[in-house]
PDB file of N, CA and C in Angstrom:
ATOM      1  N   MET A   1      11.714 -35.777  16.911  1.00  0.00           N
ATOM      2  CA  MET A   1      12.144 -36.876  16.085  1.00  0.00           C
ATOM      3  C   MET A   1      11.409 -38.166  16.422  1.00  0.00           C
ATOM      4  N   LEU A   2      10.662 -38.169  17.483  1.00  0.00           N
ATOM      5  CA  LEU A   2       9.957 -39.377  17.877  1.00  0.00           C
ATOM      6  C   LEU A   2       8.499 -39.369  17.441  1.00  0.00           C
ATOM      7  N   GLY A   3       8.151 -38.525  16.485  1.00  0.00           N
ATOM      8  CA  GLY A   3       6.782 -38.475  16.003  1.00  0.00           C
ATOM      9  C   GLY A   3       5.851 -37.689  16.896  1.00  0.00           C
ATOM     10  N   LYS A   4       6.368 -36.861  17.770  1.00  0.00           N
ATOM     11  CA  LYS A   4       5.540 -36.090  18.696  1.00  0.00           C
ATOM     12  C   LYS A   4       5.389 -34.646  18.218  1.00  0.00           C
ATOM     13  N   PHE A   5       5.190 -34.483  16.921  1.00  0.00           N
ATOM     14  CA  PHE A   5       5.007 -33.160  16.358  1.00  0.00           C
ATOM     15  C   PHE A   5       3.529 -32.812  16.333  1.00  0.00           C
ATOM     16  N   ASP A   6       3.242 -31.528  16.443  1.00  0.00           N
ATOM     17  CA  ASP A   6       1.872 -31.045  16.326  1.00  0.00           C
ATOM     18  C   ASP A   6       1.719 -30.410  14.949  1.00  0.00           C
ATOM     19  N   TYR A   7       1.694 -31.261  13.937  1.00  0.00           N
ATOM     20  CA  TYR A   7       1.625 -30.765  12.560  1.00  0.00           C
ATOM     21  C   TYR A   7       0.341 -29.987  12.310  1.00  0.00           C
ATOM     22  N   ARG A   8      -0.767 -30.458  12.837  1.00  0.00           N
ATOM     23  CA  ARG A   8      -2.054 -29.775  12.632  1.00  0.00           C
ATOM     24  C   ARG A   8      -2.029 -28.369  13.218  1.00  0.00           C
ATOM     25  N   GLY A   9      -1.397 -28.200  14.357  1.00  0.00           N
ATOM     26  CA  GLY A   9      -1.280 -26.877  14.963  1.00  0.00           C
ATOM     27  C   GLY A   9      -0.426 -25.946  14.126  1.00  0.00           C
ATOM     28  N   VAL A  10       0.654 -26.461  13.570  1.00  0.00           N
ATOM     29  CA  VAL A  10       1.512 -25.654  12.699  1.00  0.00           C
ATOM     30  C   VAL A  10       0.756 -25.263  11.438  1.00  0.00           C
ATOM     31  N   GLU A  11       0.018 -26.209  10.884  1.00  0.00           N
ATOM     32  CA  GLU A  11      -0.741 -25.940   9.664  1.00  0.00           C
ATOM     33  C   GLU A  11      -1.860 -24.926   9.912  1.00  0.00           C
ATOM     34  N   GLN A  12      -2.502 -24.990  11.055  1.00  0.00           N
ATOM     35  CA  GLN A  12      -3.585 -24.052  11.370  1.00  0.00           C
ATOM     36  C   GLN A  12      -3.054 -22.652  11.635  1.00  0.00           C
ATOM     37  N   SER A  13      -1.902 -22.543  12.256  1.00  0.00           N
ATOM     38  CA  SER A  13      -1.370 -21.219  12.580  1.00  0.00           C
ATOM     39  C   SER A  13      -0.831 -20.502  11.349  1.00  0.00           C
ATOM     40  N   SER A  14      -0.284 -21.252  10.413  1.00  0.00           N
ATOM     41  CA  SER A  14       0.242 -20.631   9.195  1.00  0.00           C
ATOM     42  C   SER A  14       0.074 -21.611   8.037  1.00  0.00           C
ATOM     43  N   PRO A  15      -1.061 -21.546   7.342  1.00  0.00           N
ATOM     44  CA  PRO A  15      -1.349 -22.536   6.296  1.00  0.00           C
ATOM     45  C   PRO A  15      -0.380 -22.503   5.113  1.00  0.00           C
ATOM     46  N   GLY A  16       0.211 -21.377   4.819  1.00  0.00           N
ATOM     47  CA  GLY A  16       1.097 -21.272   3.658  1.00  0.00           C
ATOM     48  C   GLY A  16       2.512 -21.754   3.939  1.00  0.00           C
ATOM     49  N   ILE A  17       3.134 -21.143   4.913  1.00  0.00           N
ATOM     50  CA  ILE A  17       4.550 -21.422   5.178  1.00  0.00           C
ATOM     51  C   ILE A  17       4.744 -22.490   6.250  1.00  0.00           C
ATOM     52  N   GLY A  18       3.712 -22.770   7.031  1.00  0.00           N
ATOM     53  CA  GLY A  18       3.810 -23.747   8.118  1.00  0.00           C
ATOM     54  C   GLY A  18       4.235 -25.131   7.666  1.00  0.00           C
ATOM     55  N   PRO A  19       3.551 -25.727   6.685  1.00  0.00           N
ATOM     56  CA  PRO A  19       3.964 -27.060   6.226  1.00  0.00           C
ATOM     57  C   PRO A  19       5.362 -27.088   5.624  1.00  0.00           C
ATOM     58  N   VAL A  20       5.736 -26.022   4.926  1.00  0.00           N
ATOM     59  CA  VAL A  20       7.082 -25.959   4.338  1.00  0.00           C
ATOM     60  C   VAL A  20       8.132 -25.890   5.441  1.00  0.00           C
ATOM     61  N   ALA A  21       7.906 -25.035   6.427  1.00  0.00           N
ATOM     62  CA  ALA A  21       8.852 -24.911   7.538  1.00  0.00           C
ATOM     63  C   ALA A  21       8.921 -26.213   8.330  1.00  0.00           C
ATOM     64  N   PHE A  22       7.780 -26.861   8.506  1.00  0.00           N
ATOM     65  CA  PHE A  22       7.758 -28.135   9.229  1.00  0.00           C
ATOM     66  C   PHE A  22       8.561 -29.194   8.483  1.00  0.00           C
ATOM     67  N   PHE A  23       8.381 -29.278   7.169  1.00  0.00           N
ATOM     68  CA  PHE A  23       9.118 -30.261   6.372  1.00  0.00           C
ATOM     69  C   PHE A  23      10.621 -29.981   6.423  1.00  0.00           C
ATOM     70  N   ILE A  24      11.001 -28.717   6.287  1.00  0.00           N
ATOM     71  CA  ILE A  24      12.424 -28.359   6.327  1.00  0.00           C
ATOM     72  C   ILE A  24      13.021 -28.706   7.693  1.00  0.00           C
ATOM     73  N   PHE A  25      12.300 -28.369   8.761  1.00  0.00           N
ATOM     74  CA  PHE A  25      12.785 -28.688  10.105  1.00  0.00           C
ATOM     75  C   PHE A  25      12.946 -30.191  10.295  1.00  0.00           C
ATOM     76  N   ALA A  26      11.935 -30.958   9.918  1.00  0.00           N
ATOM     77  CA  ALA A  26      11.981 -32.414  10.095  1.00  0.00           C
ATOM     78  C   ALA A  26      13.103 -33.020   9.261  1.00  0.00           C
ATOM     79  N   PHE A  27      13.261 -32.566   8.037  1.00  0.00           N
ATOM     80  CA  PHE A  27      14.285 -33.095   7.148  1.00  0.00           C
ATOM     81  C   PHE A  27      15.690 -32.785   7.670  1.00  0.00           C
ATOM     82  N   LEU A  28      15.928 -31.529   8.051  1.00  0.00           N
ATOM     83  CA  LEU A  28      17.252 -31.135   8.539  1.00  0.00           C
ATOM     84  C   LEU A  28      17.592 -31.801   9.871  1.00  0.00           C
ATOM     85  N   SER A  29      16.619 -31.900  10.762  1.00  0.00           N
ATOM     86  CA  SER A  29      16.911 -32.540  12.044  1.00  0.00           C
ATOM     87  C   SER A  29      17.206 -34.028  11.859  1.00  0.00           C
ATOM     88  N   THR A  30      16.539 -34.669  10.908  1.00  0.00           N
ATOM     89  CA  THR A  30      16.826 -36.075  10.623  1.00  0.00           C
ATOM     90  C   THR A  30      18.230 -36.237  10.068  1.00  0.00           C
ATOM     91  N   ILE A  31      18.615 -35.376   9.148  1.00  0.00           N
ATOM     92  CA  ILE A  31      19.958 -35.449   8.566  1.00  0.00           C
ATOM     93  C   ILE A  31      21.018 -35.217   9.638  1.00  0.00           C
ATOM     94  N   ILE A  32      20.794 -34.254  10.530  1.00  0.00           N
ATOM     95  CA  ILE A  32      21.767 -33.970  11.588  1.00  0.00           C
ATOM     96  C   ILE A  32      21.906 -35.164  12.522  1.00  0.00           C
ATOM     97  N   MET A  33      20.799 -35.781  12.901  1.00  0.00           N
ATOM     98  CA  MET A  33      20.859 -36.934  13.806  1.00  0.00           C
ATOM     99  C   MET A  33      21.559 -38.129  13.157  1.00  0.00           C
ATOM    100  N   VAL A  34      21.303 -38.356  11.886  1.00  0.00           N
ATOM    101  CA  VAL A  34      21.970 -39.457  11.184  1.00  0.00           C
ATOM    102  C   VAL A  34      23.470 -39.182  11.086  1.00  0.00           C
ATOM    103  N   ASN A  35      23.848 -37.941  10.803  1.00  0.00           N
ATOM    104  CA  ASN A  35      25.265 -37.597  10.731  1.00  0.00           C
ATOM    105  C   ASN A  35      25.960 -37.758  12.077  1.00  0.00           C
ATOM    106  N   LEU A  36      25.284 -37.396  13.162  1.00  0.00           N
ATOM    107  CA  LEU A  36      25.868 -37.589  14.485  1.00  0.00           C
ATOM    108  C   LEU A  36      26.086 -39.070  14.782  1.00  0.00           C
ATOM    109  N   LEU A  37      25.110 -39.877  14.454  1.00  0.00           N
ATOM    110  CA  LEU A  37      25.242 -41.320  14.665  1.00  0.00           C
ATOM    111  C   LEU A  37      26.391 -41.893  13.848  1.00  0.00           C
ATOM    112  N   LEU A  38      26.481 -41.519  12.587  1.00  0.00           N
ATOM    113  CA  LEU A  38      27.567 -42.011  11.736  1.00  0.00           C
ATOM    114  C   LEU A  38      28.929 -41.543  12.234  1.00  0.00           C
ATOM    115  N   THR A  39      28.996 -40.314  12.729  1.00  0.00           N
ATOM    116  CA  THR A  39      30.263 -39.802  13.268  1.00  0.00           C
ATOM    117  C   THR A  39      30.710 -40.634  14.457  1.00  0.00           C
ATOM    118  N   LEU A  40      29.800 -40.973  15.342  1.00  0.00           N
ATOM    119  CA  LEU A  40      30.152 -41.786  16.500  1.00  0.00           C
ATOM    120  C   LEU A  40      30.628 -43.175  16.087  1.00  0.00           C
ATOM    121  N   VAL A  41      29.944 -43.781  15.132  1.00  0.00           N
ATOM    122  CA  VAL A  41      30.326 -45.115  14.678  1.00  0.00           C
ATOM    123  C   VAL A  41      31.679 -45.086  13.986  1.00  0.00           C
ATOM    124  N   ILE A  42      31.906 -44.110  13.121  1.00  0.00           N
ATOM    125  CA  ILE A  42      33.174 -44.018  12.393  1.00  0.00           C
ATOM    126  C   ILE A  42      34.325 -43.756  13.352  1.00  0.00           C
ATOM    127  N   ARG A  43      34.137 -42.869  14.321  1.00  0.00           N
ATOM    128  CA  ARG A  43      35.209 -42.610  15.300  1.00  0.00           C
ATOM    129  C   ARG A  43      35.530 -43.852  16.122  1.00  0.00           C
ATOM    130  N   GLY A  44      34.508 -44.598  16.474  1.00  0.00           N
ATOM    131  CA  GLY A  44      34.733 -45.834  17.219  1.00  0.00           C
ATOM    132  C   GLY A  44      35.565 -46.822  16.414  1.00  0.00           C
ATOM    133  N   PHE A  45      35.231 -46.998  15.140  1.00  0.00           N
ATOM    134  CA  PHE A  45      35.998 -47.899  14.288  1.00  0.00           C
ATOM    135  C   PHE A  45      37.421 -47.402  14.092  1.00  0.00           C
ATOM    136  N   GLN A  46      37.615 -46.087  13.966  1.00  0.00           N
ATOM    137  CA  GLN A  46      38.960 -45.537  13.809  1.00  0.00           C
ATOM    138  C   GLN A  46      39.807 -45.795  15.047  1.00  0.00           C
ATOM    139  N   GLU A  47      39.228 -45.624  16.230  1.00  0.00           N
ATOM    140  CA  GLU A  47      39.976 -45.871  17.463  1.00  0.00           C
ATOM    141  C   GLU A  47      40.373 -47.336  17.578  1.00  0.00           C
ATOM    142  N   ILE A  48      39.465 -48.221  17.238  1.00  0.00           N
ATOM    143  CA  ILE A  48      39.775 -49.646  17.301  1.00  0.00           C
ATOM    144  C   ILE A  48      40.858 -50.000  16.296  1.00  0.00           C
ATOM    145  N   LYS A  49      40.758 -49.472  15.089  1.00  0.00           N
ATOM    146  CA  LYS A  49      41.768 -49.745  14.063  1.00  0.00           C
ATOM    147  C   LYS A  49      43.126 -49.205  14.487  1.00  0.00           C
ATOM    148  N   HIS A  50      43.137 -48.010  15.079  1.00  0.00           N
ATOM    149  CA  HIS A  50      44.393 -47.413  15.538  1.00  0.00           C
ATOM    150  C   HIS A  50      45.010 -48.267  16.648  1.00  0.00           C
ATOM    151  N   ASP A  51      44.197 -48.763  17.565  1.00  0.00           N
ATOM    152  CA  ASP A  51      44.710 -49.613  18.635  1.00  0.00           C
ATOM    153  C   ASP A  51      45.247 -50.933  18.092  1.00  0.00           C
ATOM    154  N   LEU A  52      44.597 -51.486  17.087  1.00  0.00           N
ATOM    155  CA  LEU A  52      45.069 -52.739  16.500  1.00  0.00           C
ATOM    156  C   LEU A  52      46.403 -52.552  15.799  1.00  0.00           C
ATOM    157  N   LEU A  53      46.614 -51.376  15.194  1.00  0.00           N
ATOM    158  CA  LEU A  53      47.878 -51.137  14.507  1.00  0.00           C
ATOM    159  C   LEU A  53      49.029 -50.980  15.497  1.00  0.00           C
ATOM    160  N   LYS A  54      48.744 -50.547  16.724  1.00  0.00           N
ATOM    161  CA  LYS A  54      49.790 -50.384  17.736  1.00  0.00           C
ATOM    162  C   LYS A  54      50.175 -51.698  18.399  1.00  0.00           C
ATOM    163  N   GLN A  55      49.313 -52.693  18.324  1.00  0.00           N
ATOM    164  CA  GLN A  55      49.602 -53.960  18.987  1.00  0.00           C
ATOM    165  C   GLN A  55      50.668 -54.726  18.227  1.00  0.00           C
ATOM    166  N   SER A  56      51.492 -55.415  18.996  1.00  0.00           N
ATOM    167  CA  SER A  56      52.523 -56.214  18.354  1.00  0.00           C
ATOM    168  C   SER A  56      51.923 -57.505  17.821  1.00  0.00           C
ATOM    169  N   ASN A  57      52.673 -58.176  16.991  1.00  0.00           N
ATOM    170  CA  ASN A  57      52.212 -59.413  16.389  1.00  0.00           C
ATOM    171  C   ASN A  57      52.668 -60.633  17.191  1.00  0.00           C
ATOM    172  N   ASP A  58      52.874 -60.475  18.480  1.00  0.00           N
ATOM    173  CA  ASP A  58      53.354 -61.572  19.318  1.00  0.00           C
ATOM    174  C   ASP A  58      52.337 -62.694  19.436  1.00  0.00           C
ATOM    175  N   TYR A  59      51.084 -62.390  19.258  1.00  0.00           N
ATOM    176  CA  TYR A  59      50.064 -63.390  19.498  1.00  0.00           C
ATOM    177  C   TYR A  59      49.432 -63.930  18.216  1.00  0.00           C
ATOM    178  N   GLU A  60      50.167 -63.888  17.139  1.00  0.00           N
ATOM    179  CA  GLU A  60      49.683 -64.587  15.965  1.00  0.00           C
ATOM    180  C   GLU A  60      49.712 -66.072  16.294  1.00  0.00           C
ATOM    181  N   ILE A  61      48.762 -66.797  15.833  1.00  0.00           N
ATOM    182  CA  ILE A  61      48.531 -68.157  16.310  1.00  0.00           C
ATOM    183  C   ILE A  61      49.713 -69.081  16.036  1.00  0.00           C
ATOM    184  N   VAL A  62      50.327 -68.987  14.874  1.00  0.00           N
ATOM    185  CA  VAL A  62      51.435 -69.891  14.554  1.00  0.00           C
ATOM    186  C   VAL A  62      52.651 -69.574  15.413  1.00  0.00           C
ATOM    187  N   ASP A  63      53.011 -68.290  15.500  1.00  0.00           N
ATOM    188  CA  ASP A  63      54.153 -67.909  16.330  1.00  0.00           C
ATOM    189  C   ASP A  63      53.902 -68.259  17.793  1.00  0.00           C
ATOM    190  N   PHE A  64      52.695 -68.032  18.245  1.00  0.00           N
ATOM    191  CA  PHE A  64      52.348 -68.330  19.624  1.00  0.00           C
ATOM    192  C   PHE A  64      52.517 -69.823  19.917  1.00  0.00           C
ATOM    193  N   MET A  65      52.002 -70.658  19.014  1.00  0.00           N
ATOM    194  CA  MET A  65      52.095 -72.110  19.220  1.00  0.00           C
ATOM    195  C   MET A  65      53.541 -72.594  19.158  1.00  0.00           C
ATOM    196  N   VAL A  66      54.332 -72.046  18.239  1.00  0.00           N
ATOM    197  CA  VAL A  66      55.737 -72.451  18.121  1.00  0.00           C
ATOM    198  C   VAL A  66      56.498 -72.049  19.384  1.00  0.00           C
ATOM    199  N   ASN A  67      56.287 -70.847  19.858  1.00  0.00           N
ATOM    200  CA  ASN A  67      56.973 -70.409  21.077  1.00  0.00           C
ATOM    201  C   ASN A  67      56.562 -71.230  22.291  1.00  0.00           C
ATOM    202  N   LYS A  68      55.274 -71.570  22.390  1.00  0.00           N
ATOM    203  CA  LYS A  68      54.829 -72.408  23.509  1.00  0.00           C
ATOM    204  C   LYS A  68      55.460 -73.797  23.426  1.00  0.00           C
ATOM    205  N   ALA A  69      55.567 -74.334  22.220  1.00  0.00           N
ATOM    206  CA  ALA A  69      56.197 -75.655  22.062  1.00  0.00           C
ATOM    207  C   ALA A  69      57.671 -75.575  22.425  1.00  0.00           C
ATOM    208  N   ARG A  70      58.343 -74.527  22.032  1.00  0.00           N
ATOM    209  CA  ARG A  70      59.769 -74.347  22.376  1.00  0.00           C
ATOM    210  C   ARG A  70      59.951 -74.239  23.889  1.00  0.00           C
ATOM    211  N   MET A  71      59.050 -73.497  24.525  1.00  0.00           N
ATOM    212  CA  MET A  71      59.137 -73.360  25.985  1.00  0.00           C
ATOM    213  C   MET A  71      58.874 -74.685  26.682  1.00  0.00           C
ATOM    214  N   ALA A  72      57.993 -75.473  26.102  1.00  0.00           N
ATOM    215  CA  ALA A  72      57.662 -76.776  26.719  1.00  0.00           C
ATOM    216  C   ALA A  72      58.845 -77.729  26.697  1.00  0.00           C
ATOM    217  N   VAL A  73      59.661 -77.659  25.648  1.00  0.00           N
ATOM    218  CA  VAL A  73      60.828 -78.545  25.567  1.00  0.00           C
ATOM    219  C   VAL A  73      62.089 -77.884  26.073  1.00  0.00           C
ATOM    220  N   GLY A  74      61.999 -76.602  26.479  1.00  0.00           N
ATOM    221  CA  GLY A  74      63.139 -75.931  27.075  1.00  0.00           C
ATOM    222  C   GLY A  74      64.062 -75.247  26.094  1.00  0.00           C
ATOM    223  N   LEU A  75      63.632 -75.015  24.862  1.00  0.00           N
ATOM    224  CA  LEU A  75      64.487 -74.356  23.881  1.00  0.00           C
ATOM    225  C   LEU A  75      64.343 -72.836  23.862  1.00  0.00           C
ATOM    226  N   ALA A  76      63.333 -72.325  24.472  1.00  0.00           N
ATOM    227  CA  ALA A  76      63.116 -70.879  24.470  1.00  0.00           C
ATOM    228  C   ALA A  76      62.993 -70.369  25.893  1.00  0.00           C
ATOM    229  N   GLN A  77      63.331 -69.105  26.074  1.00  0.00           N
ATOM    230  CA  GLN A  77      63.218 -68.474  27.389  1.00  0.00           C
ATOM    231  C   GLN A  77      61.843 -67.839  27.523  1.00  0.00           C
ATOM    232  N   ARG A  78      61.366 -67.740  28.750  1.00  0.00           N
ATOM    233  CA  ARG A  78      60.062 -67.118  29.008  1.00  0.00           C
ATOM    234  C   ARG A  78      60.207 -65.668  28.982  1.00  0.00           C
TER     235      ARG A  78
END
């Protein structure tokens, strides 16, 4: 996948089917690598989304500021 193919050697060993097999191999290996990369990225996003859904909403900015102000004046418990 890094461009280190010996295409000329494949073509010389089998002029008819060699280029076709080389193209099929290169195409399929590229598709497999792209699918693996996308799978990793999608799973990562799913895990992050799942973790965000489990978190409570205690740290929303407005609620957080109101609770801190209440604690500062002694109206709320820690």
